[in-house]
N, C-alpha and C. Protein backbone atom coordinates (compact mmCIF):
# COMPACT_ATOMS: atom_id res chain seq x y z
N MET A 1 21.52 62.51 69.99
CA MET A 1 20.45 62.77 68.35
C MET A 1 21.29 62.03 67.58
N PRO A 2 20.18 61.52 66.65
CA PRO A 2 20.46 60.49 65.77
C PRO A 2 21.52 60.30 64.86
N LEU A 3 22.68 59.75 64.94
CA LEU A 3 23.76 59.58 63.43
C LEU A 3 23.61 58.93 62.66
N PRO A 4 22.65 58.76 61.79
CA PRO A 4 22.29 57.11 61.34
C PRO A 4 23.05 56.79 59.77
N VAL A 5 24.02 55.69 59.92
CA VAL A 5 25.20 55.64 58.67
C VAL A 5 24.40 55.12 57.41
N CYS A 6 23.23 54.97 57.14
CA CYS A 6 22.32 54.19 56.40
C CYS A 6 20.97 54.09 56.71
N ASN A 7 19.94 53.65 55.20
CA ASN A 7 18.92 53.66 55.66
C ASN A 7 18.33 52.09 56.07
N ILE A 8 17.13 52.18 57.16
CA ILE A 8 17.36 50.95 57.94
C ILE A 8 16.76 49.73 57.56
N ALA A 9 17.15 50.03 56.52
CA ALA A 9 16.17 49.04 55.37
C ALA A 9 17.63 48.00 54.36
N ARG A 10 18.42 49.09 55.12
CA ARG A 10 19.65 48.21 54.19
C ARG A 10 20.93 47.86 55.08
N ALA A 11 20.38 47.76 56.12
CA ALA A 11 21.35 47.78 57.73
C ALA A 11 22.08 46.95 57.70
N ASN A 12 21.12 45.67 57.10
CA ASN A 12 21.69 43.54 57.33
C ASN A 12 22.63 43.91 55.97
N ARG A 13 22.73 44.86 55.06
CA ARG A 13 24.12 44.43 53.92
C ARG A 13 24.68 45.77 54.23
N SER A 14 25.13 46.61 55.05
CA SER A 14 25.57 47.50 54.84
C SER A 14 26.85 46.96 56.09
N ASN A 15 27.82 47.68 54.98
CA ASN A 15 28.93 46.90 56.03
C ASN A 15 29.94 48.21 56.44
N VAL A 16 29.45 49.06 56.24
CA VAL A 16 30.25 50.44 56.98
C VAL A 16 30.45 50.12 58.13
N LEU A 17 31.67 50.45 58.99
CA LEU A 17 32.16 50.40 60.80
C LEU A 17 31.47 49.27 61.44
N ARG A 18 31.76 47.91 60.00
CA ARG A 18 31.61 46.60 61.05
C ARG A 18 32.59 45.94 61.23
N GLU A 19 33.15 46.74 60.86
CA GLU A 19 35.09 45.99 61.53
C GLU A 19 35.30 45.63 62.77
N ASP A 20 34.59 46.00 63.61
CA ASP A 20 35.20 45.89 65.11
C ASP A 20 33.69 46.22 65.76
N PHE A 21 33.28 44.71 66.31
CA PHE A 21 31.83 44.74 67.01
C PHE A 21 31.38 45.43 67.48
N GLU A 22 32.74 46.38 68.40
CA GLU A 22 32.55 47.33 69.41
C GLU A 22 32.32 48.09 69.32
N THR A 23 33.01 48.97 67.95
CA THR A 23 32.10 49.94 67.14
C THR A 23 31.58 50.36 66.18
N SER A 24 31.28 48.90 65.95
CA SER A 24 29.87 49.04 65.00
C SER A 24 28.55 49.82 64.88
N PRO A 25 28.02 50.36 63.66
CA PRO A 25 26.88 50.72 64.02
C PRO A 25 25.87 49.74 64.89
N ASP A 26 24.05 50.08 65.02
CA ASP A 26 23.60 49.48 65.28
C ASP A 26 21.75 50.03 65.30
N LYS A 27 21.15 49.08 65.56
CA LYS A 27 19.68 49.63 65.45
C LYS A 27 19.03 50.48 66.69
N GLY A 28 18.80 51.30 66.37
CA GLY A 28 18.21 52.16 67.92
C GLY A 28 16.97 52.94 66.85
N TYR A 29 16.47 53.17 68.39
CA TYR A 29 15.12 54.01 68.11
C TYR A 29 15.27 56.00 68.73
N SER A 30 14.04 56.56 67.77
CA SER A 30 14.30 57.97 67.66
C SER A 30 13.21 58.52 67.67
N ALA A 31 13.40 59.08 69.51
CA ALA A 31 11.47 59.17 69.75
C ALA A 31 11.69 60.67 69.13
N ILE A 32 12.54 61.24 68.37
CA ILE A 32 11.96 63.03 68.02
C ILE A 32 11.08 62.60 66.61
N THR A 33 11.95 61.77 65.50
CA THR A 33 11.18 61.38 64.63
C THR A 33 10.10 60.32 65.35
N LYS A 34 10.77 59.55 66.11
CA LYS A 34 9.45 58.28 66.37
C LYS A 34 10.03 57.30 65.16
N THR A 35 11.06 57.39 64.41
CA THR A 35 11.30 55.59 63.86
C THR A 35 12.67 55.34 64.15
N TYR A 36 12.78 54.32 63.60
CA TYR A 36 14.34 53.43 63.92
C TYR A 36 15.10 54.19 62.95
N PHE A 37 16.11 53.54 63.49
CA PHE A 37 17.32 54.04 62.41
C PHE A 37 18.47 53.59 62.52
N TYR A 38 19.32 52.96 62.12
CA TYR A 38 20.84 52.48 61.67
C TYR A 38 21.68 53.57 62.29
N GLY A 39 22.55 53.43 63.45
CA GLY A 39 23.86 54.16 63.01
C GLY A 39 24.39 53.94 64.77
N TYR A 40 24.03 55.50 64.97
CA TYR A 40 24.92 55.95 66.39
C TYR A 40 24.04 57.44 67.22
N LYS A 41 24.05 57.45 68.50
CA LYS A 41 23.93 58.31 69.16
C LYS A 41 25.04 59.39 69.19
N LEU A 42 24.44 60.75 69.23
CA LEU A 42 25.38 61.43 69.34
C LEU A 42 25.23 62.59 70.74
N HIS A 43 26.38 62.66 71.73
CA HIS A 43 25.50 62.67 73.48
C HIS A 43 26.75 64.20 73.11
N LEU A 44 26.24 65.27 73.29
CA LEU A 44 26.13 67.57 73.67
C LEU A 44 26.46 67.43 74.55
N ILE A 45 27.56 67.57 75.36
CA ILE A 45 27.12 69.40 76.42
C ILE A 45 27.67 70.57 75.99
N THR A 46 26.85 71.56 75.74
CA THR A 46 27.79 73.47 75.43
C THR A 46 27.25 73.90 76.55
N SER A 47 28.02 74.74 75.75
CA SER A 47 27.25 75.67 77.40
C SER A 47 26.33 77.37 77.18
N LEU A 48 26.13 77.67 77.89
CA LEU A 48 24.51 78.33 77.04
C LEU A 48 25.47 79.11 75.79
N LYS A 49 26.31 79.40 74.81
CA LYS A 49 26.83 79.82 74.58
C LYS A 49 27.40 79.41 73.11
N GLY A 50 27.39 77.74 73.66
CA GLY A 50 27.14 77.12 72.53
C GLY A 50 28.61 76.31 73.05
N VAL A 51 29.53 77.14 73.03
CA VAL A 51 30.55 75.82 73.16
C VAL A 51 30.78 74.55 73.65
N TYR A 52 31.10 73.46 72.81
CA TYR A 52 31.11 72.46 73.26
C TYR A 52 32.17 72.57 74.93
N LYS A 53 31.02 71.31 75.44
CA LYS A 53 31.56 70.43 76.34
C LYS A 53 32.49 69.68 77.28
N SER A 54 31.35 69.06 75.79
CA SER A 54 31.72 67.01 76.26
C SER A 54 30.89 66.19 75.18
N VAL A 55 31.60 66.12 74.27
CA VAL A 55 30.69 64.78 72.91
C VAL A 55 31.91 63.74 72.93
N ASP A 56 30.43 62.84 72.47
CA ASP A 56 30.81 61.22 73.54
C ASP A 56 29.72 60.95 71.76
N ILE A 57 29.20 59.52 71.36
CA ILE A 57 29.11 58.94 70.40
C ILE A 57 28.85 57.80 70.90
N THR A 58 27.82 57.14 70.81
CA THR A 58 27.46 55.73 71.37
C THR A 58 26.98 55.19 70.27
N LYS A 59 26.87 53.48 70.74
CA LYS A 59 25.72 52.44 69.27
C LYS A 59 24.93 53.38 69.79
N ALA A 60 23.93 52.99 68.42
CA ALA A 60 22.37 53.33 68.44
C ALA A 60 21.61 53.19 69.58
N SER A 61 22.15 51.61 69.73
CA SER A 61 21.02 50.52 70.77
C SER A 61 21.37 50.91 72.51
N VAL A 62 22.74 51.49 72.74
CA VAL A 62 22.44 51.94 74.27
C VAL A 62 21.12 52.90 74.70
N HIS A 63 20.81 53.25 75.46
CA HIS A 63 19.80 53.98 76.25
C HIS A 63 21.15 55.21 77.23
N ASP A 64 20.22 56.31 76.79
CA ASP A 64 21.13 57.74 76.97
C ASP A 64 21.18 57.22 78.08
N ILE A 65 20.73 57.42 79.53
CA ILE A 65 20.94 57.42 80.52
C ILE A 65 22.48 57.30 81.01
N HIS A 66 23.51 55.77 79.78
CA HIS A 66 24.18 55.65 80.20
C HIS A 66 25.11 56.35 79.89
N TYR A 67 24.94 57.17 79.42
CA TYR A 67 26.25 58.61 79.20
C TYR A 67 25.95 59.60 80.42
N LEU A 68 25.19 59.25 81.22
CA LEU A 68 25.43 59.80 82.43
C LEU A 68 26.49 59.51 83.74
N ASP A 69 26.57 58.03 83.39
CA ASP A 69 28.03 57.97 84.08
C ASP A 69 29.26 58.94 83.89
N ASP A 70 29.55 59.26 82.62
CA ASP A 70 30.67 59.68 81.90
C ASP A 70 30.66 61.09 82.16
N VAL A 71 29.63 61.38 82.68
CA VAL A 71 28.95 63.28 83.13
C VAL A 71 29.78 63.17 84.26
N LYS A 72 29.10 62.46 85.08
CA LYS A 72 29.33 61.84 86.73
C LYS A 72 31.25 62.16 86.55
N GLN A 73 31.41 61.10 85.98
CA GLN A 73 32.94 61.43 85.93
C GLN A 73 34.05 62.39 85.29
N SER A 74 33.31 63.56 84.84
CA SER A 74 33.94 64.14 83.73
C SER A 74 34.14 65.48 84.83
N SER A 75 34.80 66.36 84.57
CA SER A 75 35.25 68.35 85.00
C SER A 75 34.06 68.74 85.28
N LEU A 76 32.73 68.02 85.46
CA LEU A 76 32.41 68.98 85.01
C LEU A 76 30.91 69.15 86.74
N ASN A 77 30.99 69.98 87.00
CA ASN A 77 30.47 70.21 88.64
C ASN A 77 29.47 71.61 88.85
N ASN A 78 29.36 71.39 90.06
CA ASN A 78 27.95 72.72 89.91
C ASN A 78 27.20 73.36 88.87
N CYS A 79 26.57 72.56 88.30
CA CYS A 79 26.41 73.65 86.97
C CYS A 79 24.64 72.96 86.92
N THR A 80 24.17 73.21 86.08
CA THR A 80 22.33 72.91 85.60
C THR A 80 22.41 72.12 84.67
N LEU A 81 22.10 70.28 83.50
CA LEU A 81 22.31 70.26 82.85
C LEU A 81 20.81 70.04 82.18
N LEU A 82 20.52 70.24 80.83
CA LEU A 82 19.19 70.25 80.64
C LEU A 82 19.66 68.99 79.14
N GLY A 83 17.95 68.32 79.68
CA GLY A 83 18.00 66.68 78.55
C GLY A 83 17.11 66.19 78.08
N ASP A 84 16.89 66.04 77.26
CA ASP A 84 15.42 65.39 76.80
C ASP A 84 14.60 64.26 77.76
N LYS A 85 14.16 63.61 77.57
CA LYS A 85 13.27 62.71 77.70
C LYS A 85 13.93 61.75 77.96
N GLY A 86 15.08 61.60 77.45
CA GLY A 86 15.80 60.37 77.32
C GLY A 86 16.97 59.91 78.07
N TYR A 87 16.75 60.86 79.19
CA TYR A 87 17.84 61.25 80.25
C TYR A 87 17.24 60.88 81.31
N LEU A 88 15.58 60.65 81.48
CA LEU A 88 14.57 60.61 82.63
C LEU A 88 15.18 59.74 83.75
N SER A 89 15.37 59.51 84.59
CA SER A 89 15.35 58.65 85.58
C SER A 89 15.64 59.37 87.00
N SER A 90 15.12 59.02 88.28
CA SER A 90 15.35 59.96 89.00
C SER A 90 16.64 59.46 89.90
N GLU A 91 16.65 58.26 89.65
CA GLU A 91 17.86 57.71 90.69
C GLU A 91 19.02 58.58 89.84
N TYR A 92 19.41 58.36 88.58
CA TYR A 92 20.13 59.08 87.95
C TYR A 92 20.54 60.45 88.36
N LYS A 93 19.02 61.46 88.74
CA LYS A 93 19.08 63.02 88.49
C LYS A 93 19.74 62.83 90.20
N VAL A 94 19.29 62.21 91.55
CA VAL A 94 19.63 62.09 92.76
C VAL A 94 21.24 61.98 92.52
N ASP A 95 21.35 60.46 92.08
CA ASP A 95 23.22 60.31 92.13
C ASP A 95 24.01 61.40 91.52
N LEU A 96 23.62 62.08 90.45
CA LEU A 96 23.89 62.92 89.90
C LEU A 96 24.67 64.72 90.55
N PHE A 97 23.47 64.69 91.55
CA PHE A 97 23.50 65.62 92.41
C PHE A 97 24.28 65.98 93.75
N HIS A 98 24.22 64.22 94.02
CA HIS A 98 25.83 64.23 95.47
C HIS A 98 26.87 64.07 94.87
N THR A 99 27.65 63.77 94.21
CA THR A 99 28.10 62.82 93.44
C THR A 99 29.41 64.32 92.18
N SER A 100 28.36 65.25 92.01
CA SER A 100 29.04 66.07 91.71
C SER A 100 28.41 67.26 91.18
N LYS A 101 27.31 67.79 91.92
CA LYS A 101 26.39 68.85 92.51
C LYS A 101 25.69 68.92 91.21
N ILE A 102 25.57 68.44 90.35
CA ILE A 102 24.45 68.61 88.87
C ILE A 102 23.68 68.59 88.99
N GLU A 103 22.75 68.81 88.90
CA GLU A 103 21.09 69.01 88.40
C GLU A 103 20.55 69.15 87.45
N LEU A 104 20.18 67.83 86.72
CA LEU A 104 19.89 67.26 85.59
C LEU A 104 17.91 67.93 85.24
N GLN A 105 17.85 68.22 84.56
CA GLN A 105 16.07 69.17 84.61
C GLN A 105 15.99 68.10 83.17
N THR A 106 15.10 67.55 83.01
CA THR A 106 14.40 67.28 82.22
C THR A 106 12.53 67.01 81.69
N PRO A 107 11.91 67.72 80.47
CA PRO A 107 10.66 67.59 80.69
C PRO A 107 10.10 66.24 81.05
N LYS A 108 8.84 66.32 81.65
CA LYS A 108 8.11 65.54 82.28
C LYS A 108 7.52 65.02 80.89
N ARG A 109 7.30 63.58 81.22
CA ARG A 109 6.07 62.88 80.75
C ARG A 109 4.89 63.59 81.14
N ARG A 110 3.70 62.07 80.55
CA ARG A 110 2.22 63.21 80.79
C ARG A 110 1.22 62.16 82.15
N ASN A 111 2.15 61.27 81.97
CA ASN A 111 1.98 59.88 83.06
C ASN A 111 3.04 59.80 83.86
N GLN A 112 3.42 60.85 84.32
CA GLN A 112 4.70 60.70 85.51
C GLN A 112 4.29 62.21 86.78
N SER A 113 4.78 61.30 87.77
CA SER A 113 4.13 61.58 88.83
C SER A 113 6.01 63.07 89.08
N ASP A 114 5.71 64.12 90.07
CA ASP A 114 6.43 65.11 90.11
C ASP A 114 7.48 64.08 90.76
N PHE A 115 8.34 64.24 89.97
CA PHE A 115 9.61 63.88 91.45
C PHE A 115 10.80 65.26 91.24
N SER A 116 10.42 66.08 91.06
CA SER A 116 10.92 67.01 91.40
C SER A 116 11.26 68.41 93.26
N ASN A 117 10.61 67.03 93.69
CA ASN A 117 10.63 67.55 95.10
C ASN A 117 11.66 66.62 95.58
N ILE A 118 12.41 66.21 95.57
CA ILE A 118 13.93 65.19 95.62
C ILE A 118 14.37 66.04 95.89
N LEU A 119 14.45 66.50 94.52
CA LEU A 119 15.91 67.30 94.70
C LEU A 119 15.61 69.07 95.72
N MET A 120 14.87 69.49 95.60
CA MET A 120 15.01 70.35 96.56
C MET A 120 14.74 69.31 97.79
N PHE A 121 14.17 68.36 97.79
CA PHE A 121 14.55 68.13 99.74
C PHE A 121 16.12 68.00 100.46
N LEU A 122 16.43 67.08 98.76
CA LEU A 122 18.18 67.18 98.91
C LEU A 122 18.61 68.34 99.10
N GLN A 123 18.83 69.27 98.52
CA GLN A 123 19.30 70.47 99.00
C GLN A 123 19.30 71.39 100.43
N LYS A 124 17.92 71.21 99.97
CA LYS A 124 17.55 71.46 102.31
C LYS A 124 18.68 70.97 102.73
N ALA A 125 18.23 70.27 102.42
CA ALA A 125 19.20 68.45 103.78
C ALA A 125 20.71 69.02 103.41
N GLU A 126 21.62 69.11 102.59
CA GLU A 126 23.13 69.62 102.56
C GLU A 126 22.77 71.34 103.04
N ASN A 127 22.28 72.09 103.11
CA ASN A 127 22.63 73.51 103.73
C ASN A 127 22.24 73.18 105.43
N VAL A 128 21.14 71.78 105.87
CA VAL A 128 21.62 72.17 107.12
C VAL A 128 22.69 71.80 107.99
């Protein structure tokens, strides 16, 4: 979810939170609104009841898929995560399942082939 700091037209003039390069805001793209924004991205993991399990803020330019490295090292395991299209990656999906038994479900793009068979194959292989 985008967390804009200021309007994209004012990004070059903005001095908000620019003291440290590592934590300064950056330009990113929101696929939901199909627009660019200047700020951060918020990553949330909640339970079915809406209780926050994990919260992280990254620069807007950091790809969503990199947040899954943090999820893999967290205390979450044996669960299902629902993610948006920003978390599409069959390699990360398989890696999450192998390391933490986390099943990542994401909507498919129109031009995407069906890779859900990979997870079914892995689950059957572990049961043998």
